[in-house]
C-alpha atoms as a PDB file:
ATOM      1  CA  MET A   1     129.002 133.385 127.016  1.00  0.00           C
ATOM      2  CA  ASN A   2     126.741 136.247 128.057  1.00  0.00           C
ATOM      3  CA  ASP A   3     127.613 135.777 131.740  1.00  0.00           C
ATOM      4  CA  ILE A   4     131.335 135.876 130.900  1.00  0.00           C
ATOM      5  CA  LEU A   5     130.992 139.044 128.818  1.00  0.00           C
ATOM      6  CA  THR A   6     128.864 140.727 131.481  1.00  0.00           C
ATOM      7  CA  ALA A   7     131.432 139.916 134.160  1.00  0.00           C
ATOM      8  CA  ALA A   8     134.265 141.247 131.965  1.00  0.00           C
ATOM      9  CA  GLY A   9     132.312 144.453 131.410  1.00  0.00           C
ATOM     10  CA  ASP A  10     132.075 144.825 135.189  1.00  0.00           C
ATOM     11  CA  GLY A  11     135.850 144.378 135.578  1.00  0.00           C
ATOM     12  CA  ARG A  12     135.657 140.815 136.859  1.00  0.00           C
ATOM     13  CA  CYS A  13     137.238 137.551 135.728  1.00  0.00           C
ATOM     14  CA  THR A  14     135.299 134.335 135.230  1.00  0.00           C
ATOM     15  CA  ALA A  15     136.818 131.081 136.453  1.00  0.00           C
ATOM     16  CA  LEU A  16     135.299 128.021 134.757  1.00  0.00           C
ATOM     17  CA  VAL A  17     135.807 124.304 135.350  1.00  0.00           C
ATOM     18  CA  ALA A  18     134.784 122.007 132.477  1.00  0.00           C
ATOM     19  CA  LEU A  19     134.043 118.536 133.820  1.00  0.00           C
ATOM     20  CA  ASP A  20     134.429 115.455 131.645  1.00  0.00           C
ATOM     21  CA  ILE A  21     132.843 112.180 132.714  1.00  0.00           C
ATOM     22  CA  SER A  22     134.572 108.943 131.733  1.00  0.00           C
ATOM     23  CA  ALA A  23     132.414 106.713 129.492  1.00  0.00           C
ATOM     24  CA  ALA A  24     129.440 108.746 130.688  1.00  0.00           C
ATOM     25  CA  PHE A  25     126.628 107.099 128.741  1.00  0.00           C
ATOM     26  CA  ASP A  26     127.958 103.590 129.412  1.00  0.00           C
ATOM     27  CA  VAL A  27     127.873 103.666 133.214  1.00  0.00           C
ATOM     28  CA  VAL A  28     124.391 104.973 134.014  1.00  0.00           C
ATOM     29  CA  ASN A  29     122.913 102.786 136.742  1.00  0.00           C
ATOM     30  CA  HIS A  30     119.504 101.573 135.469  1.00  0.00           C
ATOM     31  CA  SER A  31     117.984 101.229 138.925  1.00  0.00           C
ATOM     32  CA  LEU A  32     119.069 104.735 139.995  1.00  0.00           C
ATOM     33  CA  LEU A  33     117.856 106.187 136.699  1.00  0.00           C
ATOM     34  CA  CYS A  34     114.375 104.694 137.114  1.00  0.00           C
ATOM     35  CA  GLN A  35     114.210 105.827 140.748  1.00  0.00           C
ATOM     36  CA  ARG A  36     115.132 109.352 139.688  1.00  0.00           C
ATOM     37  CA  LEU A  37     112.572 109.363 136.897  1.00  0.00           C
ATOM     38  CA  GLN A  38     109.898 108.285 139.361  1.00  0.00           C
ATOM     39  CA  HIS A  39     110.718 110.274 142.496  1.00  0.00           C
ATOM     40  CA  THR A  40     112.288 113.428 141.051  1.00  0.00           C
ATOM     41  CA  PHE A  41     110.355 113.820 137.812  1.00  0.00           C
ATOM     42  CA  GLY A  42     107.078 112.107 138.773  1.00  0.00           C
ATOM     43  CA  MET A  43     107.105 109.497 136.031  1.00  0.00           C
ATOM     44  CA  ASN A  44     104.932 106.458 136.721  1.00  0.00           C
ATOM     45  CA  GLY A  45     102.870 103.760 135.076  1.00  0.00           C
ATOM     46  CA  SER A  46     103.332 102.731 131.481  1.00  0.00           C
ATOM     47  CA  ALA A  47     105.680 105.660 130.694  1.00  0.00           C
ATOM     48  CA  LEU A  48     108.128 104.541 133.389  1.00  0.00           C
ATOM     49  CA  ASP A  49     107.743 100.888 132.354  1.00  0.00           C
ATOM     50  CA  TRP A  50     108.485 101.822 128.738  1.00  0.00           C
ATOM     51  CA  LEU A  51     111.647 103.740 129.635  1.00  0.00           C
ATOM     52  CA  ARG A  52     112.765 100.927 131.929  1.00  0.00           C
ATOM     53  CA  SER A  53     112.387  98.464 129.065  1.00  0.00           C
ATOM     54  CA  PHE A  54     114.239 100.872 126.760  1.00  0.00           C
ATOM     55  CA  VAL A  55     117.422 100.857 128.875  1.00  0.00           C
ATOM     56  CA  SER A  56     117.318  97.298 130.212  1.00  0.00           C
ATOM     57  CA  GLY A  57     117.380  93.869 128.610  1.00  0.00           C
ATOM     58  CA  ARG A  58     120.049  94.814 126.050  1.00  0.00           C
ATOM     59  CA  TRP A  59     122.913  92.595 124.911  1.00  0.00           C
ATOM     60  CA  GLN A  60     126.263  93.343 123.300  1.00  0.00           C
ATOM     61  CA  TYR A  61     129.188  91.692 121.566  1.00  0.00           C
ATOM     62  CA  VAL A  62     132.390  92.748 119.801  1.00  0.00           C
ATOM     63  CA  ALA A  63     133.083  91.724 116.205  1.00  0.00           C
ATOM     64  CA  ALA A  64     136.443  92.180 114.460  1.00  0.00           C
ATOM     65  CA  GLY A  65     138.224  90.439 111.607  1.00  0.00           C
ATOM     66  CA  GLY A  66     135.433  87.967 111.104  1.00  0.00           C
ATOM     67  CA  GLU A  67     135.510  86.920 114.752  1.00  0.00           C
ATOM     68  CA  ARG A  68     132.846  87.640 117.348  1.00  0.00           C
ATOM     69  CA  SER A  69     132.987  87.697 121.141  1.00  0.00           C
ATOM     70  CA  VAL A  70     130.545  86.022 123.476  1.00  0.00           C
ATOM     71  CA  THR A  71     127.283  87.956 123.815  1.00  0.00           C
ATOM     72  CA  ALA A  72     126.953  89.618 127.221  1.00  0.00           C
ATOM     73  CA  PRO A  73     124.195  91.629 128.912  1.00  0.00           C
ATOM     74  CA  CYS A  74     124.441  95.448 129.139  1.00  0.00           C
ATOM     75  CA  GLU A  75     123.935  95.909 132.854  1.00  0.00           C
ATOM     76  CA  SER A  76     124.367  99.698 132.793  1.00  0.00           C
ATOM     77  CA  GLY A  77     124.291 102.614 130.392  1.00  0.00           C
ATOM     78  CA  VAL A  78     121.875 104.298 128.010  1.00  0.00           C
ATOM     79  CA  PRO A  79     121.940 103.692 124.241  1.00  0.00           C
ATOM     80  CA  GLN A  80     124.297 106.073 122.440  1.00  0.00           C
ATOM     81  CA  GLY A  81     123.192 107.502 119.127  1.00  0.00           C
ATOM     82  CA  SER A  82     119.563 107.472 120.199  1.00  0.00           C
ATOM     83  CA  VAL A  83     117.326 110.499 120.689  1.00  0.00           C
ATOM     84  CA  LEU A  84     116.522 109.451 124.256  1.00  0.00           C
ATOM     85  CA  GLY A  85     120.124 108.720 125.310  1.00  0.00           C
ATOM     86  CA  PRO A  86     121.255 112.323 125.994  1.00  0.00           C
ATOM     87  CA  LEU A  87     117.889 113.191 127.557  1.00  0.00           C
ATOM     88  CA  LEU A  88     117.976 110.249 129.946  1.00  0.00           C
ATOM     89  CA  PHE A  89     121.557 111.034 130.912  1.00  0.00           C
ATOM     90  CA  SER A  90     120.600 114.675 131.568  1.00  0.00           C
ATOM     91  CA  LEU A  91     117.786 113.512 133.845  1.00  0.00           C
ATOM     92  CA  TYR A  92     120.173 111.109 135.588  1.00  0.00           C
ATOM     93  CA  VAL A  93     122.642 113.889 136.484  1.00  0.00           C
ATOM     94  CA  ALA A  94     120.019 116.602 137.099  1.00  0.00           C
ATOM     95  CA  PRO A  95     120.756 116.760 140.876  1.00  0.00           C
ATOM     96  CA  VAL A  96     124.199 118.203 140.052  1.00  0.00           C
ATOM     97  CA  SER A  97     122.564 121.592 139.456  1.00  0.00           C
ATOM     98  CA  ASN A  98     121.315 121.575 143.061  1.00  0.00           C
ATOM     99  CA  ILE A  99     124.911 121.258 144.271  1.00  0.00           C
ATOM    100  CA  ALA A 100     125.890 124.325 142.239  1.00  0.00           C
ATOM    101  CA  VAL A 101     122.994 126.319 143.707  1.00  0.00           C
ATOM    102  CA  VAL A 102     124.089 125.483 147.263  1.00  0.00           C
ATOM    103  CA  HIS A 103     127.584 126.840 146.525  1.00  0.00           C
ATOM    104  CA  HIS A 104     126.276 129.919 144.646  1.00  0.00           C
ATOM    105  CA  VAL A 105     128.075 128.752 141.519  1.00  0.00           C
ATOM    106  CA  SER A 106     126.633 128.977 137.997  1.00  0.00           C
ATOM    107  CA  ILE A 107     126.306 125.819 135.917  1.00  0.00           C
ATOM    108  CA  ASP A 108     125.737 125.008 132.253  1.00  0.00           C
ATOM    109  CA  GLN A 109     124.801 121.426 131.604  1.00  0.00           C
ATOM    110  CA  TYR A 110     123.707 119.277 128.698  1.00  0.00           C
ATOM    111  CA  ALA A 111     124.076 115.522 128.869  1.00  0.00           C
ATOM    112  CA  ASP A 112     127.712 114.754 129.810  1.00  0.00           C
ATOM    113  CA  ASP A 113     128.936 118.310 129.099  1.00  0.00           C
ATOM    114  CA  ILE A 114     129.007 120.084 132.474  1.00  0.00           C
ATOM    115  CA  GLN A 115     130.643 123.450 133.180  1.00  0.00           C
ATOM    116  CA  THR A 116     130.668 125.252 136.514  1.00  0.00           C
ATOM    117  CA  TYR A 117     131.819 128.864 136.725  1.00  0.00           C
ATOM    118  CA  ILE A 118     131.936 131.915 138.953  1.00  0.00           C
ATOM    119  CA  ALA A 119     132.710 135.603 138.380  1.00  0.00           C
ATOM    120  CA  ILE A 120     135.338 137.001 140.759  1.00  0.00           C
ATOM    121  CA  GLN A 121     137.243 140.167 141.449  1.00  0.00           C
ATOM    122  CA  PRO A 122     140.809 139.430 140.241  1.00  0.00           C
ATOM    123  CA  GLN A 123     142.388 140.726 143.432  1.00  0.00           C
ATOM    124  CA  CYS A 124     140.024 138.819 145.713  1.00  0.00           C
ATOM    125  CA  PRO A 125     140.609 135.241 144.580  1.00  0.00           C
ATOM    126  CA  ASP A 126     139.470 133.644 147.845  1.00  0.00           C
ATOM    127  CA  SER A 127     135.976 133.400 146.354  1.00  0.00           C
ATOM    128  CA  LEU A 128     137.455 130.650 144.181  1.00  0.00           C
ATOM    129  CA  SER A 129     136.893 128.384 147.181  1.00  0.00           C
ATOM    130  CA  GLN A 130     133.188 128.318 146.251  1.00  0.00           C
ATOM    131  CA  LEU A 131     134.027 126.913 142.825  1.00  0.00           C
ATOM    132  CA  VAL A 132     136.506 124.423 144.216  1.00  0.00           C
ATOM    133  CA  ASN A 133     134.162 123.207 146.967  1.00  0.00           C
ATOM    134  CA  CYS A 134     131.392 122.870 144.398  1.00  0.00           C
ATOM    135  CA  THR A 135     133.660 120.861 142.102  1.00  0.00           C
ATOM    136  CA  ASP A 136     134.681 118.629 144.987  1.00  0.00           C
ATOM    137  CA  ASP A 137     131.052 117.972 146.005  1.00  0.00           C
ATOM    138  CA  ILE A 138     130.099 117.210 142.391  1.00  0.00           C
ATOM    139  CA  THR A 139     133.019 114.769 142.204  1.00  0.00           C
ATOM    140  CA  HIS A 140     131.736 112.963 145.310  1.00  0.00           C
ATOM    141  CA  TRP A 141     128.187 112.927 143.912  1.00  0.00           C
ATOM    142  CA  PHE A 142     129.497 111.347 140.710  1.00  0.00           C
ATOM    143  CA  LEU A 143     131.211 108.587 142.678  1.00  0.00           C
ATOM    144  CA  GLU A 144     128.045 107.901 144.667  1.00  0.00           C
ATOM    145  CA  ASN A 145     126.089 107.600 141.404  1.00  0.00           C
ATOM    146  CA  SER A 146     128.452 105.278 139.506  1.00  0.00           C
ATOM    147  CA  LEU A 147     130.126 108.087 137.517  1.00  0.00           C
ATOM    148  CA  LEU A 148     133.789 109.047 137.361  1.00  0.00           C
ATOM    149  CA  LEU A 149     135.549 112.211 136.197  1.00  0.00           C
ATOM    150  CA  ASN A 150     138.140 111.897 133.439  1.00  0.00           C
ATOM    151  CA  PRO A 151     141.322 113.499 134.843  1.00  0.00           C
ATOM    152  CA  SER A 152     142.977 114.121 131.475  1.00  0.00           C
ATOM    153  CA  LYS A 153     139.996 115.976 129.991  1.00  0.00           C
ATOM    154  CA  THR A 154     138.817 118.050 132.957  1.00  0.00           C
ATOM    155  CA  GLU A 155     139.982 121.627 132.450  1.00  0.00           C
ATOM    156  CA  ALA A 156     139.914 124.995 134.188  1.00  0.00           C
ATOM    157  CA  VAL A 157     139.827 128.245 132.219  1.00  0.00           C
ATOM    158  CA  VAL A 158     139.978 131.852 133.386  1.00  0.00           C
ATOM    159  CA  PHE A 159     138.288 134.456 131.179  1.00  0.00           C
ATOM    160  CA  GLY A 160     138.977 138.181 131.325  1.00  0.00           C
ATOM    161  CA  THR A 161     140.047 141.168 129.281  1.00  0.00           C
ATOM    162  CA  ALA A 162     143.511 142.489 128.533  1.00  0.00           C
ATOM    163  CA  SER A 163     142.860 145.375 130.927  1.00  0.00           C
ATOM    164  CA  ILE A 164     142.021 143.012 133.807  1.00  0.00           C
ATOM    165  CA  ASP A 165     145.019 141.240 135.288  1.00  0.00           C
ATOM    166  CA  CYS A 166     143.194 137.929 135.661  1.00  0.00           C
ATOM    167  CA  GLU A 167     146.066 135.761 134.495  1.00  0.00           C
ATOM    168  CA  VAL A 168     148.495 137.017 137.128  1.00  0.00           C
ATOM    169  CA  TRP A 169     146.086 136.939 140.044  1.00  0.00           C
ATOM    170  CA  THR A 170     143.662 134.163 139.287  1.00  0.00           C
ATOM    171  CA  LEU A 171     145.471 131.256 137.629  1.00  0.00           C
ATOM    172  CA  PRO A 172     147.938 130.668 140.493  1.00  0.00           C
ATOM    173  CA  GLU A 173     145.100 130.871 142.993  1.00  0.00           C
ATOM    174  CA  LEU A 174     142.916 128.512 141.002  1.00  0.00           C
ATOM    175  CA  LEU A 175     145.782 126.036 140.809  1.00  0.00           C
ATOM    176  CA  ARG A 176     146.422 126.421 144.547  1.00  0.00           C
ATOM    177  CA  TRP A 177     142.781 125.723 145.344  1.00  0.00           C
ATOM    178  CA  LEU A 178     142.210 122.889 142.875  1.00  0.00           C
ATOM    179  CA  ALA A 179     145.386 120.884 143.385  1.00  0.00           C
ATOM    180  CA  PRO A 180     144.738 119.666 146.961  1.00  0.00           C
ATOM    181  CA  ALA A 181     140.933 119.638 146.768  1.00  0.00           C
ATOM    182  CA  SER A 182     140.474 117.535 143.670  1.00  0.00           C
ATOM    183  CA  SER A 183     141.519 114.011 142.837  1.00  0.00           C
ATOM    184  CA  PHE A 184     142.276 114.891 139.234  1.00  0.00           C
ATOM    185  CA  ARG A 185     145.015 116.834 137.470  1.00  0.00           C
ATOM    186  CA  THR A 186     143.352 119.959 136.085  1.00  0.00           C
ATOM    187  CA  GLN A 187     144.588 121.668 132.939  1.00  0.00           C
ATOM    188  CA  LEU A 188     144.687 125.467 133.368  1.00  0.00           C
ATOM    189  CA  SER A 189     144.548 128.133 130.699  1.00  0.00           C
ATOM    190  CA  PHE A 190     143.719 131.804 130.287  1.00  0.00           C
ATOM    191  CA  LEU A 191     141.615 133.388 127.565  1.00  0.00           C
ATOM    192  CA  ALA A 192     141.529 137.147 127.101  1.00  0.00           C
ATOM    193  CA  LEU A 193     138.517 138.818 125.539  1.00  0.00           C
ATOM    194  CA  SER A 194     139.790 141.234 122.909  1.00  0.00           C
ATOM    195  CA  SER A 195     136.436 142.997 122.803  1.00  0.00           C
ATOM    196  CA  THR A 196     132.851 142.355 123.829  1.00  0.00           C
ATOM    197  CA  ARG A 197     132.367 140.199 120.722  1.00  0.00           C
ATOM    198  CA  HIS A 198     135.534 138.307 119.906  1.00  0.00           C
ATOM    199  CA  PHE A 199     137.890 135.856 121.580  1.00  0.00           C
ATOM    200  CA  LEU A 200     141.625 135.754 120.867  1.00  0.00           C
END
């Protein structure tokens, strides 16, 4: 929020893409997760063994109307509703922030809630290519790591003030950039800041 308000105070718009991952917690690859914990975060020994045992060796079944399905192994995913689930997912997708840095795009990330954004001059929308290229690279990284974006819930928003003509200049450009570069249909909207404290 502070970055958006600062940009608006400087006469710039902020273009933001909110990424939604399909069944995020259910598709975490256990082997990749443990490799990342070891090689990226330096976890070894009994701590790594404990976390490996926490995510693996689980079984599941579906029960409804007094009937129960066959029990099957959970071959991927981290337990939802647990304290460790969101943390382990955040560690699993931590490399995404490196992609944003390469493209000079800001990122806010917690568990499966990932937002990339960039402040732009409304009449120089070509800098939107940084955001689009970043989004495209993140999409490819997701695919390589057993994750998939949810097309119906991924959204793009442009923030600005009533005195900055962001809606006219930026939304068409954002749509032009995103449509061919991304494999998902992005929802676009515009939010105007009525003051430095309140949204309309």
